[in-house]
Amino acid sequence: MISDPFTITFERPKVLAVLNGLINGVTGLYGKVPENVYRVRVRKGVNIAANNVPRVMQIECMVRIPAGADAYDAPNIRAAVSMMVGSLNQLSAGIGDTYVTGTQ
């Protein structure tokens, strides 16, 4: 039913950003570093009361990875993803309780 969705969407950059190669001549550091942004969106219809149409609840997770880190520091990217997913997996019941009751 269109008013009661249960979907997940994964988004990635259309074109991956790369380091522009402009290093500060004095400091030897990169200035502004572009980011590659990935998103995961979940949409679920939820009921708010009897005799009402479902409303759409949305969950969004955004990951911002500085350009160049994918090639230079892949193990730390994987470690961060592992920690995030593992934590959400371990804490999912408690997080759900918090969303339902408003307390920790």
N, C-alpha and C. Protein backbone atom coordinates (compact mmCIF):
# COMPACT_ATOMS: atom_id res chain seq x y z
N MET A 1 0.85 -1.18 0.00
CA MET A 1 0.00 0.00 0.00
C MET A 1 0.90 1.24 0.00
N ILE A 2 0.58 2.20 -0.84
CA ILE A 2 1.44 3.38 -1.00
C ILE A 2 1.49 4.22 0.27
N SER A 3 0.42 4.22 1.07
CA SER A 3 0.42 5.02 2.29
C SER A 3 1.08 4.29 3.46
N ASP A 4 1.50 3.05 3.27
CA ASP A 4 2.11 2.26 4.33
C ASP A 4 3.37 1.58 3.80
N PRO A 5 4.39 2.37 3.46
CA PRO A 5 5.60 1.79 2.84
C PRO A 5 6.49 1.07 3.85
N PHE A 6 7.31 0.20 3.33
CA PHE A 6 8.40 -0.40 4.10
C PHE A 6 9.53 -0.58 3.11
N THR A 7 10.40 0.42 2.99
CA THR A 7 11.43 0.42 1.96
C THR A 7 12.79 0.77 2.55
N ILE A 8 13.83 0.39 1.83
CA ILE A 8 15.18 0.80 2.18
C ILE A 8 15.85 1.26 0.88
N THR A 9 16.59 2.35 0.97
CA THR A 9 17.27 2.93 -0.18
C THR A 9 18.73 3.16 0.17
N PHE A 10 19.61 2.73 -0.70
CA PHE A 10 21.05 2.97 -0.53
C PHE A 10 21.47 3.97 -1.59
N GLU A 11 22.18 5.03 -1.20
CA GLU A 11 22.64 6.04 -2.14
C GLU A 11 24.16 6.16 -2.04
N ARG A 12 24.78 6.39 -3.20
CA ARG A 12 26.21 6.62 -3.24
C ARG A 12 26.47 7.78 -4.18
N PRO A 13 27.67 8.37 -4.12
CA PRO A 13 27.95 9.50 -5.02
C PRO A 13 27.89 9.05 -6.48
N LYS A 14 27.36 9.91 -7.34
CA LYS A 14 27.34 9.60 -8.77
C LYS A 14 28.76 9.55 -9.31
N VAL A 15 29.58 10.48 -8.84
CA VAL A 15 30.99 10.53 -9.22
C VAL A 15 31.80 10.68 -7.94
N LEU A 16 32.76 9.79 -7.72
CA LEU A 16 33.56 9.87 -6.51
C LEU A 16 34.46 11.10 -6.53
N ALA A 17 34.47 11.83 -5.43
CA ALA A 17 35.36 12.99 -5.29
C ALA A 17 36.78 12.49 -5.06
N VAL A 18 37.74 13.22 -5.56
CA VAL A 18 39.15 12.88 -5.38
C VAL A 18 39.87 14.10 -4.83
N LEU A 19 41.06 13.87 -4.27
CA LEU A 19 41.86 15.00 -3.80
C LEU A 19 42.24 15.85 -4.99
N ASN A 20 42.13 17.15 -4.84
CA ASN A 20 42.38 18.04 -5.96
C ASN A 20 43.87 18.30 -6.21
N GLY A 21 44.73 17.82 -5.34
CA GLY A 21 46.16 17.97 -5.55
C GLY A 21 46.72 19.32 -5.16
N LEU A 22 45.87 20.22 -4.66
CA LEU A 22 46.35 21.54 -4.27
C LEU A 22 46.81 21.53 -2.82
N ILE A 23 48.11 21.39 -2.66
CA ILE A 23 48.70 21.36 -1.32
C ILE A 23 49.23 22.75 -1.01
N ASN A 24 49.01 23.21 0.21
CA ASN A 24 49.51 24.50 0.65
C ASN A 24 51.03 24.48 0.60
N GLY A 25 51.61 25.42 -0.11
CA GLY A 25 53.06 25.47 -0.27
C GLY A 25 53.81 25.76 1.02
N VAL A 26 53.16 26.40 1.97
CA VAL A 26 53.82 26.75 3.24
C VAL A 26 53.71 25.61 4.24
N THR A 27 52.48 25.09 4.42
CA THR A 27 52.27 24.07 5.45
C THR A 27 52.46 22.65 4.93
N GLY A 28 52.33 22.46 3.63
CA GLY A 28 52.42 21.11 3.07
C GLY A 28 51.16 20.28 3.29
N LEU A 29 50.07 20.94 3.70
CA LEU A 29 48.81 20.25 3.99
C LEU A 29 47.79 20.56 2.91
N TYR A 30 46.83 19.65 2.76
CA TYR A 30 45.70 19.90 1.87
C TYR A 30 44.81 20.94 2.53
N GLY A 31 44.19 21.77 1.72
CA GLY A 31 43.21 22.73 2.23
C GLY A 31 41.87 22.05 2.39
N LYS A 32 40.88 22.53 1.65
CA LYS A 32 39.55 21.93 1.70
C LYS A 32 39.58 20.57 1.01
N VAL A 33 39.14 19.55 1.71
CA VAL A 33 39.11 18.18 1.17
C VAL A 33 37.66 17.82 0.89
N PRO A 34 37.33 17.45 -0.35
CA PRO A 34 35.94 17.06 -0.65
C PRO A 34 35.59 15.75 0.05
N GLU A 35 34.29 15.49 0.16
CA GLU A 35 33.83 14.27 0.81
C GLU A 35 32.95 13.47 -0.14
N ASN A 36 33.00 12.17 0.01
CA ASN A 36 32.07 11.27 -0.66
C ASN A 36 30.99 10.92 0.35
N VAL A 37 29.74 11.18 0.00
CA VAL A 37 28.63 11.00 0.95
C VAL A 37 27.78 9.81 0.51
N TYR A 38 27.57 8.91 1.45
CA TYR A 38 26.72 7.73 1.25
C TYR A 38 25.55 7.84 2.23
N ARG A 39 24.38 7.39 1.81
CA ARG A 39 23.20 7.43 2.68
C ARG A 39 22.45 6.10 2.62
N VAL A 40 21.86 5.77 3.75
CA VAL A 40 20.91 4.66 3.82
C VAL A 40 19.63 5.25 4.41
N ARG A 41 18.52 5.04 3.71
CA ARG A 41 17.24 5.57 4.18
C ARG A 41 16.24 4.42 4.32
N VAL A 42 15.56 4.40 5.45
CA VAL A 42 14.48 3.43 5.68
C VAL A 42 13.20 4.23 5.87
N ARG A 43 12.15 3.79 5.20
CA ARG A 43 10.83 4.42 5.35
C ARG A 43 9.85 3.33 5.76
N LYS A 44 9.04 3.63 6.78
CA LYS A 44 8.06 2.66 7.26
C LYS A 44 6.79 3.39 7.64
N GLY A 45 5.67 2.91 7.16
CA GLY A 45 4.39 3.48 7.56
C GLY A 45 4.08 3.09 9.00
N VAL A 46 3.63 4.06 9.80
CA VAL A 46 3.26 3.81 11.20
C VAL A 46 1.89 4.42 11.47
N ASN A 47 1.16 3.79 12.37
CA ASN A 47 -0.16 4.28 12.74
C ASN A 47 -0.04 5.22 13.92
N ILE A 48 -0.78 6.32 13.86
CA ILE A 48 -0.72 7.29 14.96
C ILE A 48 -1.95 7.23 15.86
N ALA A 49 -3.04 6.73 15.33
CA ALA A 49 -4.28 6.60 16.10
C ALA A 49 -5.28 5.83 15.25
N ALA A 50 -6.35 5.38 15.90
CA ALA A 50 -7.41 4.66 15.18
C ALA A 50 -8.06 5.58 14.16
N ASN A 51 -8.50 5.00 13.06
CA ASN A 51 -9.22 5.73 12.01
C ASN A 51 -8.39 6.83 11.35
N ASN A 52 -7.07 6.67 11.34
CA ASN A 52 -6.18 7.60 10.65
C ASN A 52 -5.37 6.83 9.63
N VAL A 53 -4.98 7.51 8.58
CA VAL A 53 -4.09 6.86 7.62
C VAL A 53 -2.70 6.78 8.22
N PRO A 54 -1.92 5.77 7.84
CA PRO A 54 -0.56 5.68 8.37
C PRO A 54 0.28 6.90 7.96
N ARG A 55 1.21 7.28 8.80
CA ARG A 55 2.18 8.32 8.49
C ARG A 55 3.51 7.62 8.22
N VAL A 56 4.41 8.31 7.54
CA VAL A 56 5.69 7.70 7.18
C VAL A 56 6.77 8.10 8.18
N MET A 57 7.36 7.09 8.82
CA MET A 57 8.52 7.26 9.70
C MET A 57 9.76 7.11 8.82
N GLN A 58 10.78 7.94 9.07
CA GLN A 58 11.99 7.85 8.27
C GLN A 58 13.21 7.71 9.17
N ILE A 59 14.13 6.86 8.76
CA ILE A 59 15.43 6.70 9.43
C ILE A 59 16.49 6.95 8.36
N GLU A 60 17.47 7.78 8.69
CA GLU A 60 18.51 8.08 7.71
C GLU A 60 19.88 7.97 8.38
N CYS A 61 20.78 7.33 7.69
CA CYS A 61 22.17 7.22 8.14
C CYS A 61 23.03 7.82 7.03
N MET A 62 23.89 8.76 7.40
CA MET A 62 24.76 9.40 6.43
C MET A 62 26.22 9.14 6.80
N VAL A 63 27.00 8.77 5.80
CA VAL A 63 28.43 8.52 6.00
C VAL A 63 29.20 9.49 5.10
N ARG A 64 30.09 10.28 5.70
CA ARG A 64 30.92 11.23 4.96
C ARG A 64 32.37 10.77 5.03
N ILE A 65 32.93 10.41 3.89
CA ILE A 65 34.30 9.93 3.85
C ILE A 65 35.15 10.94 3.09
N PRO A 66 36.17 11.51 3.73
CA PRO A 66 37.03 12.45 3.01
C PRO A 66 37.68 11.78 1.80
N ALA A 67 37.71 12.50 0.69
CA ALA A 67 38.33 11.97 -0.53
C ALA A 67 39.77 11.57 -0.23
N GLY A 68 40.18 10.45 -0.75
CA GLY A 68 41.53 9.96 -0.54
C GLY A 68 41.63 8.92 0.56
N ALA A 69 40.72 9.00 1.54
CA ALA A 69 40.75 8.04 2.65
C ALA A 69 40.43 6.63 2.16
N ASP A 70 39.60 6.53 1.12
CA ASP A 70 39.23 5.21 0.59
C ASP A 70 40.46 4.46 0.09
N ALA A 71 41.38 5.16 -0.50
CA ALA A 71 42.60 4.53 -1.02
C ALA A 71 43.71 4.45 0.02
N TYR A 72 43.81 5.47 0.87
CA TYR A 72 44.94 5.57 1.79
C TYR A 72 44.69 4.88 3.13
N ASP A 73 43.44 4.82 3.58
CA ASP A 73 43.16 4.31 4.93
C ASP A 73 41.92 3.44 4.98
N ALA A 74 41.80 2.50 4.05
CA ALA A 74 40.64 1.61 3.99
C ALA A 74 40.39 0.84 5.29
N PRO A 75 41.44 0.36 6.00
CA PRO A 75 41.17 -0.38 7.24
C PRO A 75 40.41 0.44 8.28
N ASN A 76 40.69 1.73 8.40
CA ASN A 76 39.98 2.54 9.38
C ASN A 76 38.56 2.85 8.94
N ILE A 77 38.32 2.93 7.64
CA ILE A 77 36.94 3.09 7.16
C ILE A 77 36.15 1.84 7.51
N ARG A 78 36.73 0.68 7.25
CA ARG A 78 36.05 -0.58 7.58
C ARG A 78 35.83 -0.72 9.08
N ALA A 79 36.80 -0.28 9.88
CA ALA A 79 36.65 -0.35 11.34
C ALA A 79 35.51 0.53 11.82
N ALA A 80 35.39 1.73 11.26
CA ALA A 80 34.31 2.63 11.65
C ALA A 80 32.94 2.06 11.29
N VAL A 81 32.84 1.48 10.09
CA VAL A 81 31.58 0.87 9.66
C VAL A 81 31.24 -0.32 10.57
N SER A 82 32.24 -1.13 10.88
CA SER A 82 32.02 -2.28 11.76
C SER A 82 31.53 -1.85 13.13
N MET A 83 32.13 -0.80 13.66
CA MET A 83 31.72 -0.31 14.98
C MET A 83 30.29 0.22 14.95
N MET A 84 29.95 0.98 13.90
CA MET A 84 28.61 1.54 13.80
C MET A 84 27.56 0.43 13.67
N VAL A 85 27.77 -0.48 12.73
CA VAL A 85 26.79 -1.54 12.50
C VAL A 85 26.71 -2.48 13.70
N GLY A 86 27.85 -2.84 14.26
CA GLY A 86 27.86 -3.71 15.43
C GLY A 86 27.15 -3.09 16.63
N SER A 87 27.39 -1.79 16.84
CA SER A 87 26.74 -1.10 17.96
C SER A 87 25.24 -1.04 17.76
N LEU A 88 24.81 -0.69 16.55
CA LEU A 88 23.37 -0.65 16.29
C LEU A 88 22.74 -2.03 16.45
N ASN A 89 23.44 -3.06 16.00
CA ASN A 89 22.93 -4.42 16.15
C ASN A 89 22.79 -4.79 17.62
N GLN A 90 23.82 -4.50 18.41
CA GLN A 90 23.79 -4.86 19.83
C GLN A 90 22.77 -4.04 20.61
N LEU A 91 22.58 -2.79 20.22
CA LEU A 91 21.73 -1.89 20.99
C LEU A 91 20.34 -1.70 20.40
N SER A 92 19.99 -2.45 19.37
CA SER A 92 18.74 -2.18 18.66
C SER A 92 17.51 -2.24 19.56
N ALA A 93 17.44 -3.19 20.45
CA ALA A 93 16.27 -3.28 21.34
C ALA A 93 16.19 -2.06 22.26
N GLY A 94 17.31 -1.65 22.81
CA GLY A 94 17.33 -0.47 23.69
C GLY A 94 17.01 0.81 22.94
N ILE A 95 17.52 0.93 21.71
CA ILE A 95 17.22 2.10 20.89
C ILE A 95 15.72 2.14 20.58
N GLY A 96 15.16 0.98 20.24
CA GLY A 96 13.73 0.90 19.98
C GLY A 96 12.91 1.30 21.21
N ASP A 97 13.34 0.83 22.40
CA ASP A 97 12.66 1.21 23.64
C ASP A 97 12.72 2.72 23.85
N THR A 98 13.88 3.31 23.59
CA THR A 98 14.03 4.76 23.75
C THR A 98 13.09 5.50 22.81
N TYR A 99 12.99 5.07 21.57
CA TYR A 99 12.12 5.73 20.60
C TYR A 99 10.64 5.60 21.00
N VAL A 100 10.28 4.49 21.62
CA VAL A 100 8.90 4.24 21.99
C VAL A 100 8.53 4.92 23.30
N THR A 101 9.45 4.91 24.28
CA THR A 101 9.12 5.47 25.60
C THR A 101 9.64 6.88 25.83
N GLY A 102 10.63 7.29 25.04
CA GLY A 102 11.22 8.62 25.22
C GLY A 102 12.22 8.69 26.35
N THR A 103 12.56 7.53 26.95
CA THR A 103 13.55 7.51 28.04
C THR A 103 14.69 6.59 27.64
N GLN A 104 15.78 6.71 28.38
CA GLN A 104 16.95 5.89 28.07
C GLN A 104 16.90 4.58 28.82
